[in-house]
Amino acid sequence: MLVNIHHLAEQVTDYVARCKWRERIDLVHEVELLGTGGTIFAKSTLFADQPFIVAHGDNLTRFNLSAFIARHRDRPPGSKLQ
């Protein structure tokens, strides 16, 4: 997991240091923001050829992530999900 710590870097770093998932989190500090696409592109070697999900920390979402991934993975090529 990548977490951009441009905003409130010290507080986010302190929180992640105490988090039980800290070993699975990579903190990225951008002095100048690259934007969502820029951050992903800059760290693209971490993803290799694997699928990934982009989520913004300031959006509260509650849904079944496993079902979401399965539906995306099982869609016919070229189809648009409704």
Protein backbone atom coordinates (compact mmCIF):
# COMPACT_ATOMS: atom_id res chain seq x y z
CA MET A 1 0.00 0.00 0.00
CA LEU A 2 1.28 3.45 -0.88
CA VAL A 3 0.37 6.44 1.25
CA ASN A 4 1.30 9.91 0.07
CA ILE A 5 2.29 11.96 3.11
CA HIS A 6 2.59 15.38 1.48
CA HIS A 7 -0.16 16.78 3.73
CA LEU A 8 0.30 16.38 7.50
CA ALA A 9 3.37 14.19 6.92
CA GLU A 10 4.46 14.00 10.56
CA GLN A 11 1.01 13.02 11.85
CA VAL A 12 0.51 10.39 9.14
CA THR A 13 4.00 8.95 9.73
CA ASP A 14 3.36 8.71 13.47
CA TYR A 15 -0.01 7.02 12.90
CA VAL A 16 1.38 4.47 10.44
CA ALA A 17 4.26 3.68 12.82
CA ARG A 18 1.65 2.52 15.38
CA CYS A 19 -0.56 0.73 12.86
CA LYS A 20 -0.68 -3.10 12.87
CA TRP A 21 -0.33 -3.04 9.05
CA ARG A 22 2.78 -0.81 9.07
CA GLU A 23 4.91 -3.50 7.38
CA ARG A 24 2.55 -3.44 4.38
CA ILE A 25 2.56 0.35 3.98
CA ASP A 26 5.05 2.36 1.95
CA LEU A 27 5.06 6.07 2.72
CA VAL A 28 5.74 8.41 -0.19
CA HIS A 29 6.61 12.05 0.45
CA GLU A 30 6.29 14.30 -2.56
CA VAL A 31 7.75 17.76 -2.00
CA GLU A 32 5.78 18.88 -5.06
CA LEU A 33 2.56 16.95 -5.61
CA LEU A 34 2.55 14.80 -8.72
CA GLY A 35 -1.19 14.13 -8.65
CA THR A 36 -2.75 10.68 -8.41
CA GLY A 37 -1.52 9.54 -11.82
CA GLY A 38 1.96 10.98 -11.22
CA THR A 39 2.40 9.13 -7.93
CA ILE A 40 1.26 5.85 -9.44
CA PHE A 41 3.52 6.29 -12.46
CA ALA A 42 6.51 7.19 -10.25
CA LYS A 43 6.00 4.03 -8.18
CA SER A 44 4.85 1.74 -11.02
CA THR A 45 7.65 -0.77 -10.40
CA LEU A 46 5.93 -1.69 -7.13
CA PHE A 47 2.88 -2.92 -9.05
CA ALA A 48 4.68 -4.70 -11.90
CA ASP A 49 1.96 -6.33 -14.00
CA GLN A 50 -0.48 -6.80 -11.13
CA PRO A 51 -3.88 -5.13 -10.90
CA PHE A 52 -4.26 -2.47 -8.22
CA ILE A 53 -6.88 -0.19 -6.70
CA VAL A 54 -6.58 3.55 -6.15
CA ALA A 55 -8.43 4.92 -3.13
CA HIS A 56 -8.34 8.44 -1.76
CA GLY A 57 -8.10 8.68 2.01
CA ASP A 58 -10.57 11.54 2.23
CA ASN A 59 -13.40 9.48 0.73
CA LEU A 60 -15.40 7.28 3.08
CA THR A 61 -16.57 4.18 1.24
CA ARG A 62 -18.30 1.07 2.47
CA PHE A 63 -18.68 -1.79 0.01
CA ASN A 64 -17.65 -5.39 -0.52
CA LEU A 65 -14.16 -5.04 -2.00
CA SER A 66 -13.86 -8.76 -2.82
CA ALA A 67 -17.11 -8.68 -4.81
CA PHE A 68 -16.00 -5.50 -6.57
CA ILE A 69 -12.71 -7.08 -7.65
CA ALA A 70 -14.41 -10.33 -8.71
CA ARG A 71 -16.96 -8.48 -10.85
CA HIS A 72 -14.24 -6.44 -12.51
CA ARG A 73 -12.08 -9.51 -13.11
CA ASP A 74 -15.00 -11.56 -14.53
CA ARG A 75 -16.40 -8.93 -16.91
CA PRO A 76 -16.38 -9.72 -20.64
CA PRO A 77 -13.52 -8.01 -22.50
CA GLY A 78 -14.52 -4.56 -23.73
CA SER A 79 -17.69 -4.46 -21.66
CA LYS A 80 -18.86 -1.52 -19.57
CA LEU A 81 -20.17 -2.32 -16.10
CA GLN A 82 -23.54 -0.86 -15.16
